[in-house]
């Protein structure tokens, strides 16, 4: 799992890779040890599929702001 996370981190830090064509991203993915299904999810920009492939369940978040609710 860490290989795909490392690749996504690299994409986020490298503007040329972040905005690259699918061919360029595919070439970069070919140089990794990432599983083919995960590569496909990255190439098709499918976060739900990638999350499923990585075995993560639903993600929930709560934002609490002190003083936002008056008694």
Protein backbone atom coordinates (compact mmCIF):
# COMPACT_ATOMS: atom_id res chain seq x y z
CA UNK A 1 0.00 0.00 0.00
CA UNK A 2 2.78 2.44 0.79
CA UNK A 3 4.02 2.36 -2.82
CA UNK A 4 0.82 3.89 -4.16
CA UNK A 5 0.69 6.40 -1.29
CA UNK A 6 4.31 7.37 -2.02
CA UNK A 7 3.45 7.82 -5.70
CA UNK A 8 0.42 10.00 -4.93
CA UNK A 9 2.57 12.09 -2.59
CA UNK A 10 5.14 12.46 -5.37
CA UNK A 11 2.39 13.57 -7.77
CA UNK A 12 1.22 16.17 -5.28
CA UNK A 13 4.73 17.59 -4.89
CA UNK A 14 5.73 17.56 -8.56
CA UNK A 15 3.67 20.01 -10.64
CA UNK A 16 4.88 18.48 -13.91
CA UNK A 17 3.66 15.06 -12.83
CA UNK A 18 0.49 16.40 -11.24
CA UNK A 19 -0.69 17.98 -14.48
CA UNK A 20 0.90 15.41 -16.80
CA UNK A 21 -0.91 13.46 -19.50
CA UNK A 22 -2.13 9.94 -18.79
CA UNK A 23 0.70 8.61 -20.96
CA UNK A 24 3.30 10.37 -18.82
CA UNK A 25 1.66 9.21 -15.60
CA UNK A 26 1.41 5.69 -17.01
CA UNK A 27 5.14 5.73 -17.78
CA UNK A 28 5.90 6.93 -14.25
CA UNK A 29 3.65 4.22 -12.79
CA UNK A 30 5.41 1.56 -14.89
CA UNK A 31 8.61 2.33 -13.00
CA UNK A 32 6.97 1.47 -9.65
CA UNK A 33 5.99 -1.69 -7.80
CA UNK A 34 2.33 -0.62 -7.65
CA UNK A 35 -0.26 -3.30 -8.44
CA UNK A 36 -1.90 -3.03 -11.90
CA UNK A 37 -5.41 -2.46 -10.48
CA UNK A 38 -4.12 0.38 -8.32
CA UNK A 39 -2.28 1.87 -11.32
CA UNK A 40 -5.53 1.76 -13.27
CA UNK A 41 -7.40 3.56 -10.49
CA UNK A 42 -4.72 6.27 -10.40
CA UNK A 43 -4.78 6.66 -14.19
CA UNK A 44 -8.56 6.97 -14.29
CA UNK A 45 -8.63 9.36 -11.31
CA UNK A 46 -10.96 7.03 -9.40
CA UNK A 47 -10.45 7.69 -5.67
CA UNK A 48 -13.33 5.44 -4.58
CA UNK A 49 -11.90 2.45 -6.43
CA UNK A 50 -8.41 3.16 -5.11
CA UNK A 51 -9.74 3.47 -1.56
CA UNK A 52 -11.51 0.10 -1.97
CA UNK A 53 -8.37 -1.52 -3.39
CA UNK A 54 -6.35 -0.22 -0.44
CA UNK A 55 -8.87 -1.77 1.95
CA UNK A 56 -10.02 1.43 3.59
CA UNK A 57 -13.58 1.77 4.74
CA UNK A 58 -15.73 4.88 4.66
CA UNK A 59 -14.12 8.08 5.86
CA UNK A 60 -15.97 10.38 8.22
CA UNK A 61 -14.83 13.65 9.72
CA UNK A 62 -16.27 16.01 12.30
CA UNK A 63 -15.41 19.66 12.69
CA UNK A 64 -16.13 21.22 16.04
CA UNK A 65 -15.82 24.95 16.54
CA UNK A 66 -15.93 26.31 20.09
CA UNK A 67 -18.56 28.99 20.51
CA UNK A 68 -20.33 28.13 17.26
CA UNK A 69 -23.47 26.96 19.08
CA UNK A 70 -25.07 29.21 21.64
CA UNK A 71 -26.88 27.68 24.60
